[in-house]
Amino acid sequence: MAHGVTVDPPPVTSRPLPSPGTARARAGNALVLACGVLAAAANCAFLFRAASASRLDPVNSMISELEVPGQPFSWFFRGASLLSGLAAFAFALGLRPRIPAGRSGQWGIVALALYGLAGAADALFPMDCAPSASVVCLRADEAQPMSWLYQAHAWFDIAGSIAVLVSLWFLGRHLVQHPEWRRASAVTRAGFAGLAAVTAVVTVMSARYLPGVGVVQRIEVLGVSGWLLVLALAVRRRPSS
């Protein structure tokens, strides 16, 4: 009260609570983000090779050799590959309703899901020997045919490489048409060009285990992980359609 005048207190305002639909969409986006980040991170488990006491030379050995039964901590590397593949599959399922509608986008999502399944199968069918560390294994690899386990692993590996390139191609073409996705599209299209070239080099080098094949393959895998991370970050605030 001032000079006999009563001053009413300002009205108390409250922020509107988010609707249940908005809350669910945010929770779904967070889950999709987590799957994408997990897929990208687990795909890079080879970075922990030094902590595993493995004697495989990272310059000249393939990442899959870390998963050969009998190698130090092979269970860890197989588990990481399995986790990455399953997370990538779940990420594809979650990404499907969050990208703009269109046939090219759906083909890209299907290819991404196949990439995840191929990666998970890769972990379930590990190589049975390490060619870079065993002359006998290398000679058998060159002579053909290898064991069914080795061949299954090779075919799943090839399927995964093709699937990720197909996904990059279709998603890159699809997302460029939508302004809010153009940054992710630019990374995707550049990734297709770069990864296609690197994959071709890895394919040629791995046929004869040429020196440096391990470095080139690791660059390829890091590139795929980087792309998964870009896609995951791009959808973190997108509502489900």
C-alpha atoms as a PDB file:
ATOM      1  CA  MET A   1       0.000   0.000   0.000  1.00  0.00           C
ATOM      2  CA  ALA A   2       1.327   3.478  -0.969  1.00  0.00           C
ATOM      3  CA  HIS A   3      -0.595   6.691  -0.058  1.00  0.00           C
ATOM      4  CA  GLY A   4      -3.745   4.670   0.495  1.00  0.00           C
ATOM      5  CA  VAL A   5      -3.598   2.966  -2.892  1.00  0.00           C
ATOM      6  CA  THR A   6      -3.563  -0.819  -3.016  1.00  0.00           C
ATOM      7  CA  VAL A   7      -1.358  -2.297  -5.709  1.00  0.00           C
ATOM      8  CA  ASP A   8      -2.359  -5.744  -6.850  1.00  0.00           C
ATOM      9  CA  PRO A   9       0.489  -8.219  -7.395  1.00  0.00           C
ATOM     10  CA  PRO A  10       1.240  -9.093 -11.034  1.00  0.00           C
ATOM     11  CA  PRO A  11      -0.615 -12.136 -12.274  1.00  0.00           C
ATOM     12  CA  VAL A  12       1.317 -15.360 -12.070  1.00  0.00           C
ATOM     13  CA  THR A  13       1.788 -16.949 -15.472  1.00  0.00           C
ATOM     14  CA  SER A  14       2.782 -20.538 -16.052  1.00  0.00           C
ATOM     15  CA  ARG A  15       4.403 -22.124 -19.055  1.00  0.00           C
ATOM     16  CA  PRO A  16       2.140 -24.436 -21.003  1.00  0.00           C
ATOM     17  CA  LEU A  17       2.973 -28.064 -20.491  1.00  0.00           C
ATOM     18  CA  PRO A  18       4.063 -29.971 -23.587  1.00  0.00           C
ATOM     19  CA  SER A  19       1.401 -32.181 -25.066  1.00  0.00           C
ATOM     20  CA  PRO A  20       1.778 -35.951 -24.700  1.00  0.00           C
ATOM     21  CA  GLY A  21       2.352 -36.199 -28.449  1.00  0.00           C
ATOM     22  CA  THR A  22       5.218 -33.705 -28.320  1.00  0.00           C
ATOM     23  CA  ALA A  23       6.789 -35.490 -25.368  1.00  0.00           C
ATOM     24  CA  ARG A  24       6.592 -38.832 -27.171  1.00  0.00           C
ATOM     25  CA  ALA A  25       8.128 -37.318 -30.308  1.00  0.00           C
ATOM     26  CA  ARG A  26      11.039 -35.913 -28.305  1.00  0.00           C
ATOM     27  CA  ALA A  27      11.567 -39.224 -26.546  1.00  0.00           C
ATOM     28  CA  GLY A  28      11.482 -41.007 -29.902  1.00  0.00           C
ATOM     29  CA  ASN A  29      13.991 -38.586 -31.384  1.00  0.00           C
ATOM     30  CA  ALA A  30      16.289 -39.099 -28.406  1.00  0.00           C
ATOM     31  CA  LEU A  31      16.084 -42.879 -28.860  1.00  0.00           C
ATOM     32  CA  VAL A  32      16.844 -42.618 -32.587  1.00  0.00           C
ATOM     33  CA  LEU A  33      19.762 -40.304 -31.820  1.00  0.00           C
ATOM     34  CA  ALA A  34      21.096 -42.800 -29.269  1.00  0.00           C
ATOM     35  CA  CYS A  35      20.860 -45.672 -31.786  1.00  0.00           C
ATOM     36  CA  GLY A  36      22.712 -43.692 -34.447  1.00  0.00           C
ATOM     37  CA  VAL A  37      25.462 -42.598 -32.071  1.00  0.00           C
ATOM     38  CA  LEU A  38      25.790 -46.133 -30.674  1.00  0.00           C
ATOM     39  CA  ALA A  39      26.053 -47.619 -34.166  1.00  0.00           C
ATOM     40  CA  ALA A  40      28.753 -45.107 -35.104  1.00  0.00           C
ATOM     41  CA  ALA A  41      30.726 -45.534 -31.881  1.00  0.00           C
ATOM     42  CA  ALA A  42      30.609 -49.344 -31.743  1.00  0.00           C
ATOM     43  CA  ASN A  43      31.697 -49.442 -35.385  1.00  0.00           C
ATOM     44  CA  CYS A  44      34.977 -47.857 -34.279  1.00  0.00           C
ATOM     45  CA  ALA A  45      35.825 -50.476 -31.643  1.00  0.00           C
ATOM     46  CA  PHE A  46      39.028 -51.232 -33.572  1.00  0.00           C
ATOM     47  CA  LEU A  47      40.461 -48.046 -32.030  1.00  0.00           C
ATOM     48  CA  PHE A  48      40.853 -50.061 -28.807  1.00  0.00           C
ATOM     49  CA  ARG A  49      43.186 -52.576 -30.474  1.00  0.00           C
ATOM     50  CA  ALA A  50      46.197 -51.264 -28.539  1.00  0.00           C
ATOM     51  CA  ALA A  51      44.468 -52.030 -25.240  1.00  0.00           C
ATOM     52  CA  SER A  52      43.772 -55.632 -26.258  1.00  0.00           C
ATOM     53  CA  ALA A  53      47.402 -56.802 -26.425  1.00  0.00           C
ATOM     54  CA  SER A  54      46.792 -57.831 -30.031  1.00  0.00           C
ATOM     55  CA  ARG A  55      49.895 -58.305 -32.151  1.00  0.00           C
ATOM     56  CA  LEU A  56      48.059 -57.653 -35.399  1.00  0.00           C
ATOM     57  CA  ASP A  57      49.609 -54.795 -37.331  1.00  0.00           C
ATOM     58  CA  PRO A  58      46.896 -52.121 -37.800  1.00  0.00           C
ATOM     59  CA  VAL A  59      48.647 -50.924 -40.963  1.00  0.00           C
ATOM     60  CA  ASN A  60      48.452 -54.250 -42.774  1.00  0.00           C
ATOM     61  CA  SER A  61      45.653 -56.225 -41.092  1.00  0.00           C
ATOM     62  CA  MET A  62      41.922 -56.133 -41.697  1.00  0.00           C
ATOM     63  CA  ILE A  63      39.626 -55.083 -38.856  1.00  0.00           C
ATOM     64  CA  SER A  64      37.816 -58.426 -39.031  1.00  0.00           C
ATOM     65  CA  GLU A  65      41.012 -60.192 -37.993  1.00  0.00           C
ATOM     66  CA  LEU A  66      40.571 -58.756 -34.508  1.00  0.00           C
ATOM     67  CA  GLU A  67      37.409 -60.867 -34.250  1.00  0.00           C
ATOM     68  CA  VAL A  68      39.090 -64.185 -35.100  1.00  0.00           C
ATOM     69  CA  PRO A  69      38.545 -66.662 -32.226  1.00  0.00           C
ATOM     70  CA  GLY A  70      41.805 -66.951 -30.326  1.00  0.00           C
ATOM     71  CA  GLN A  71      42.844 -63.352 -30.868  1.00  0.00           C
ATOM     72  CA  PRO A  72      43.087 -61.254 -27.687  1.00  0.00           C
ATOM     73  CA  PHE A  73      39.693 -59.842 -26.697  1.00  0.00           C
ATOM     74  CA  SER A  74      38.110 -61.192 -29.875  1.00  0.00           C
ATOM     75  CA  TRP A  75      34.827 -61.466 -27.946  1.00  0.00           C
ATOM     76  CA  PHE A  76      34.900 -57.713 -27.367  1.00  0.00           C
ATOM     77  CA  PHE A  77      35.395 -56.877 -31.032  1.00  0.00           C
ATOM     78  CA  ARG A  78      32.740 -59.368 -32.159  1.00  0.00           C
ATOM     79  CA  GLY A  79      30.340 -57.979 -29.583  1.00  0.00           C
ATOM     80  CA  ALA A  80      31.015 -54.433 -30.757  1.00  0.00           C
ATOM     81  CA  SER A  81      30.341 -55.422 -34.375  1.00  0.00           C
ATOM     82  CA  LEU A  82      27.115 -57.140 -33.391  1.00  0.00           C
ATOM     83  CA  LEU A  83      26.032 -54.141 -31.324  1.00  0.00           C
ATOM     84  CA  SER A  84      26.882 -51.712 -34.125  1.00  0.00           C
ATOM     85  CA  GLY A  85      24.912 -53.725 -36.669  1.00  0.00           C
ATOM     86  CA  LEU A  86      21.830 -54.065 -34.483  1.00  0.00           C
ATOM     87  CA  ALA A  87      21.977 -50.379 -33.522  1.00  0.00           C
ATOM     88  CA  ALA A  88      22.265 -49.389 -37.193  1.00  0.00           C
ATOM     89  CA  PHE A  89      19.212 -51.531 -37.990  1.00  0.00           C
ATOM     90  CA  ALA A  90      17.230 -49.912 -35.166  1.00  0.00           C
ATOM     91  CA  PHE A  91      18.445 -46.495 -36.310  1.00  0.00           C
ATOM     92  CA  ALA A  92      17.133 -47.178 -39.810  1.00  0.00           C
ATOM     93  CA  LEU A  93      13.727 -48.170 -38.412  1.00  0.00           C
ATOM     94  CA  GLY A  94      13.586 -45.005 -36.332  1.00  0.00           C
ATOM     95  CA  LEU A  95      14.798 -42.820 -39.172  1.00  0.00           C
ATOM     96  CA  ARG A  96      12.115 -44.049 -41.572  1.00  0.00           C
ATOM     97  CA  PRO A  97       9.204 -41.919 -40.259  1.00  0.00           C
ATOM     98  CA  ARG A  98      11.479 -38.934 -39.624  1.00  0.00           C
ATOM     99  CA  ILE A  99      12.745 -38.217 -43.116  1.00  0.00           C
ATOM    100  CA  PRO A 100      10.597 -36.572 -45.794  1.00  0.00           C
ATOM    101  CA  ALA A 101       8.333 -38.951 -47.696  1.00  0.00           C
ATOM    102  CA  GLY A 102       9.556 -40.265 -51.023  1.00  0.00           C
ATOM    103  CA  ARG A 103      10.566 -43.498 -52.750  1.00  0.00           C
ATOM    104  CA  SER A 104      14.280 -42.657 -52.903  1.00  0.00           C
ATOM    105  CA  GLY A 105      14.349 -41.979 -49.185  1.00  0.00           C
ATOM    106  CA  GLN A 106      12.653 -45.275 -48.397  1.00  0.00           C
ATOM    107  CA  TRP A 107      15.093 -47.182 -50.585  1.00  0.00           C
ATOM    108  CA  GLY A 108      17.912 -45.484 -48.712  1.00  0.00           C
ATOM    109  CA  ILE A 109      16.419 -46.540 -45.385  1.00  0.00           C
ATOM    110  CA  VAL A 110      15.990 -50.141 -46.554  1.00  0.00           C
ATOM    111  CA  ALA A 111      19.639 -50.217 -47.650  1.00  0.00           C
ATOM    112  CA  LEU A 112      20.712 -48.780 -44.284  1.00  0.00           C
ATOM    113  CA  ALA A 113      18.747 -51.495 -42.480  1.00  0.00           C
ATOM    114  CA  LEU A 114      20.397 -54.171 -44.648  1.00  0.00           C
ATOM    115  CA  TYR A 115      23.788 -52.668 -43.828  1.00  0.00           C
ATOM    116  CA  GLY A 116      23.010 -53.098 -40.136  1.00  0.00           C
ATOM    117  CA  LEU A 117      21.848 -56.690 -40.554  1.00  0.00           C
ATOM    118  CA  ALA A 118      24.908 -57.562 -42.641  1.00  0.00           C
ATOM    119  CA  GLY A 119      27.151 -56.069 -39.961  1.00  0.00           C
ATOM    120  CA  ALA A 120      25.456 -58.096 -37.242  1.00  0.00           C
ATOM    121  CA  ALA A 121      25.747 -61.285 -39.322  1.00  0.00           C
ATOM    122  CA  ASP A 122      29.419 -60.477 -39.908  1.00  0.00           C
ATOM    123  CA  ALA A 123      29.988 -60.685 -36.163  1.00  0.00           C
ATOM    124  CA  LEU A 124      28.133 -63.999 -35.901  1.00  0.00           C
ATOM    125  CA  PHE A 125      30.275 -65.535 -38.683  1.00  0.00           C
ATOM    126  CA  PRO A 126      33.832 -64.424 -37.862  1.00  0.00           C
ATOM    127  CA  MET A 127      36.873 -65.348 -39.903  1.00  0.00           C
ATOM    128  CA  ASP A 128      38.495 -68.550 -38.645  1.00  0.00           C
ATOM    129  CA  CYS A 129      42.074 -67.326 -39.131  1.00  0.00           C
ATOM    130  CA  ALA A 130      44.027 -64.105 -39.584  1.00  0.00           C
ATOM    131  CA  PRO A 131      45.763 -63.918 -42.997  1.00  0.00           C
ATOM    132  CA  SER A 132      48.022 -61.011 -42.035  1.00  0.00           C
ATOM    133  CA  ALA A 133      49.394 -62.966 -39.065  1.00  0.00           C
ATOM    134  CA  SER A 134      49.485 -66.479 -40.539  1.00  0.00           C
ATOM    135  CA  VAL A 135      51.238 -67.507 -43.728  1.00  0.00           C
ATOM    136  CA  VAL A 136      49.200 -70.718 -43.808  1.00  0.00           C
ATOM    137  CA  CYS A 137      45.958 -68.726 -43.604  1.00  0.00           C
ATOM    138  CA  LEU A 138      47.143 -66.298 -46.267  1.00  0.00           C
ATOM    139  CA  ARG A 139      48.098 -69.110 -48.661  1.00  0.00           C
ATOM    140  CA  ALA A 140      44.728 -70.776 -48.092  1.00  0.00           C
ATOM    141  CA  ASP A 141      43.001 -67.468 -48.762  1.00  0.00           C
ATOM    142  CA  GLU A 142      44.853 -67.068 -52.043  1.00  0.00           C
ATOM    143  CA  ALA A 143      44.354 -70.696 -53.087  1.00  0.00           C
ATOM    144  CA  GLN A 144      40.588 -70.828 -52.498  1.00  0.00           C
ATOM    145  CA  PRO A 145      38.166 -72.200 -51.562  1.00  0.00           C
ATOM    146  CA  MET A 146      38.244 -71.157 -47.906  1.00  0.00           C
ATOM    147  CA  SER A 147      36.096 -72.657 -45.160  1.00  0.00           C
ATOM    148  CA  TRP A 148      32.361 -71.964 -45.255  1.00  0.00           C
ATOM    149  CA  LEU A 149      32.743 -69.733 -42.177  1.00  0.00           C
ATOM    150  CA  TYR A 150      35.371 -67.584 -43.892  1.00  0.00           C
ATOM    151  CA  GLN A 151      33.304 -67.374 -47.064  1.00  0.00           C
ATOM    152  CA  ALA A 152      30.123 -66.454 -45.153  1.00  0.00           C
ATOM    153  CA  HIS A 153      31.978 -63.672 -43.399  1.00  0.00           C
ATOM    154  CA  ALA A 154      33.333 -62.386 -46.708  1.00  0.00           C
ATOM    155  CA  TRP A 155      29.896 -62.366 -48.349  1.00  0.00           C
ATOM    156  CA  PHE A 156      28.268 -60.520 -45.445  1.00  0.00           C
ATOM    157  CA  ASP A 157      31.114 -58.034 -45.522  1.00  0.00           C
ATOM    158  CA  ILE A 158      30.576 -57.440 -49.243  1.00  0.00           C
ATOM    159  CA  ALA A 159      26.810 -57.122 -48.734  1.00  0.00           C
ATOM    160  CA  GLY A 160      27.334 -54.529 -46.016  1.00  0.00           C
ATOM    161  CA  SER A 161      29.705 -52.486 -48.163  1.00  0.00           C
ATOM    162  CA  ILE A 162      27.267 -52.468 -51.082  1.00  0.00           C
ATOM    163  CA  ALA A 163      24.296 -51.669 -48.837  1.00  0.00           C
ATOM    164  CA  VAL A 164      25.923 -48.638 -47.249  1.00  0.00           C
ATOM    165  CA  LEU A 165      26.850 -47.230 -50.658  1.00  0.00           C
ATOM    166  CA  VAL A 166      23.294 -47.773 -51.937  1.00  0.00           C
ATOM    167  CA  SER A 167      21.963 -46.004 -48.856  1.00  0.00           C
ATOM    168  CA  LEU A 168      24.322 -43.075 -49.356  1.00  0.00           C
ATOM    169  CA  TRP A 169      23.277 -42.773 -52.999  1.00  0.00           C
ATOM    170  CA  PHE A 170      19.507 -42.791 -52.429  1.00  0.00           C
ATOM    171  CA  LEU A 171      19.479 -40.679 -49.275  1.00  0.00           C
ATOM    172  CA  GLY A 172      21.821 -38.132 -50.823  1.00  0.00           C
ATOM    173  CA  ARG A 173      19.527 -37.714 -53.827  1.00  0.00           C
ATOM    174  CA  HIS A 174      16.403 -37.623 -51.688  1.00  0.00           C
ATOM    175  CA  LEU A 175      17.408 -35.250 -48.895  1.00  0.00           C
ATOM    176  CA  VAL A 176      18.863 -32.579 -51.199  1.00  0.00           C
ATOM    177  CA  GLN A 177      15.303 -31.690 -52.212  1.00  0.00           C
ATOM    178  CA  HIS A 178      14.450 -30.567 -48.673  1.00  0.00           C
ATOM    179  CA  PRO A 179      16.118 -27.380 -47.342  1.00  0.00           C
ATOM    180  CA  GLU A 180      16.115 -28.477 -43.705  1.00  0.00           C
ATOM    181  CA  TRP A 181      18.090 -31.585 -44.654  1.00  0.00           C
ATOM    182  CA  ARG A 182      20.579 -30.077 -47.090  1.00  0.00           C
ATOM    183  CA  ARG A 183      23.533 -30.169 -44.730  1.00  0.00           C
ATOM    184  CA  ALA A 184      23.040 -33.880 -44.101  1.00  0.00           C
ATOM    185  CA  SER A 185      22.483 -34.355 -47.834  1.00  0.00           C
ATOM    186  CA  ALA A 186      25.746 -32.605 -48.707  1.00  0.00           C
ATOM    187  CA  VAL A 187      27.656 -34.867 -46.320  1.00  0.00           C
ATOM    188  CA  THR A 188      25.837 -37.907 -47.696  1.00  0.00           C
ATOM    189  CA  ARG A 189      26.599 -37.102 -51.331  1.00  0.00           C
ATOM    190  CA  ALA A 190      30.236 -36.327 -50.584  1.00  0.00           C
ATOM    191  CA  GLY A 191      30.381 -39.502 -48.512  1.00  0.00           C
ATOM    192  CA  PHE A 192      29.109 -41.584 -51.411  1.00  0.00           C
ATOM    193  CA  ALA A 193      31.845 -40.293 -53.720  1.00  0.00           C
ATOM    194  CA  GLY A 194      34.585 -40.702 -51.128  1.00  0.00           C
ATOM    195  CA  LEU A 195      33.500 -44.060 -49.752  1.00  0.00           C
ATOM    196  CA  ALA A 196      32.924 -45.525 -53.223  1.00  0.00           C
ATOM    197  CA  ALA A 197      36.524 -44.680 -54.127  1.00  0.00           C
ATOM    198  CA  VAL A 198      37.924 -45.972 -50.834  1.00  0.00           C
ATOM    199  CA  THR A 199      35.847 -49.164 -51.021  1.00  0.00           C
ATOM    200  CA  ALA A 200      37.181 -49.866 -54.495  1.00  0.00           C
ATOM    201  CA  VAL A 201      40.748 -49.424 -53.246  1.00  0.00           C
ATOM    202  CA  VAL A 202      40.115 -51.677 -50.229  1.00  0.00           C
ATOM    203  CA  THR A 203      38.621 -54.368 -52.483  1.00  0.00           C
ATOM    204  CA  VAL A 204      41.685 -54.407 -54.725  1.00  0.00           C
ATOM    205  CA  MET A 205      44.159 -54.284 -51.834  1.00  0.00           C
ATOM    206  CA  SER A 206      42.435 -56.946 -49.744  1.00  0.00           C
ATOM    207  CA  ALA A 207      42.465 -59.428 -52.628  1.00  0.00           C
ATOM    208  CA  ARG A 208      46.221 -59.805 -52.098  1.00  0.00           C
ATOM    209  CA  TYR A 209      46.618 -58.231 -48.676  1.00  0.00           C
ATOM    210  CA  LEU A 210      48.719 -55.440 -50.088  1.00  0.00           C
ATOM    211  CA  PRO A 211      50.706 -53.317 -47.614  1.00  0.00           C
ATOM    212  CA  GLY A 212      48.619 -50.530 -46.123  1.00  0.00           C
ATOM    213  CA  VAL A 213      45.252 -52.262 -46.573  1.00  0.00           C
ATOM    214  CA  GLY A 214      44.529 -51.878 -42.867  1.00  0.00           C
ATOM    215  CA  VAL A 215      44.925 -48.104 -42.972  1.00  0.00           C
ATOM    216  CA  VAL A 216      42.646 -47.709 -45.991  1.00  0.00           C
ATOM    217  CA  GLN A 217      39.966 -49.945 -44.500  1.00  0.00           C
ATOM    218  CA  ARG A 218      40.029 -48.069 -41.218  1.00  0.00           C
ATOM    219  CA  ILE A 219      39.550 -44.796 -43.091  1.00  0.00           C
ATOM    220  CA  GLU A 220      36.539 -46.374 -44.814  1.00  0.00           C
ATOM    221  CA  VAL A 221      34.988 -47.487 -41.514  1.00  0.00           C
ATOM    222  CA  LEU A 222      35.585 -44.114 -39.879  1.00  0.00           C
ATOM    223  CA  GLY A 223      33.864 -42.492 -42.853  1.00  0.00           C
ATOM    224  CA  VAL A 224      30.775 -44.674 -42.418  1.00  0.00           C
ATOM    225  CA  SER A 225      30.688 -43.913 -38.695  1.00  0.00           C
ATOM    226  CA  GLY A 226      30.966 -40.203 -39.390  1.00  0.00           C
ATOM    227  CA  TRP A 227      28.020 -40.382 -41.785  1.00  0.00           C
ATOM    228  CA  LEU A 228      25.873 -42.277 -39.260  1.00  0.00           C
ATOM    229  CA  LEU A 229      26.664 -39.606 -36.692  1.00  0.00           C
ATOM    230  CA  VAL A 230      25.687 -36.798 -39.083  1.00  0.00           C
ATOM    231  CA  LEU A 231      22.338 -38.479 -39.798  1.00  0.00           C
ATOM    232  CA  ALA A 232      21.710 -39.045 -36.096  1.00  0.00           C
ATOM    233  CA  LEU A 233      22.367 -35.402 -35.241  1.00  0.00           C
ATOM    234  CA  ALA A 234      20.198 -34.245 -38.145  1.00  0.00           C
ATOM    235  CA  VAL A 235      17.095 -35.967 -36.756  1.00  0.00           C
ATOM    236  CA  ARG A 236      17.526 -35.122 -33.088  1.00  0.00           C
ATOM    237  CA  ARG A 237      14.860 -32.383 -33.243  1.00  0.00           C
ATOM    238  CA  ARG A 238      12.655 -33.736 -36.006  1.00  0.00           C
ATOM    239  CA  PRO A 239       9.163 -34.794 -34.952  1.00  0.00           C
ATOM    240  CA  SER A 240       7.777 -38.103 -36.168  1.00  0.00           C
ATOM    241  CA  SER A 241       5.383 -37.782 -39.093  1.00  0.00           C
END
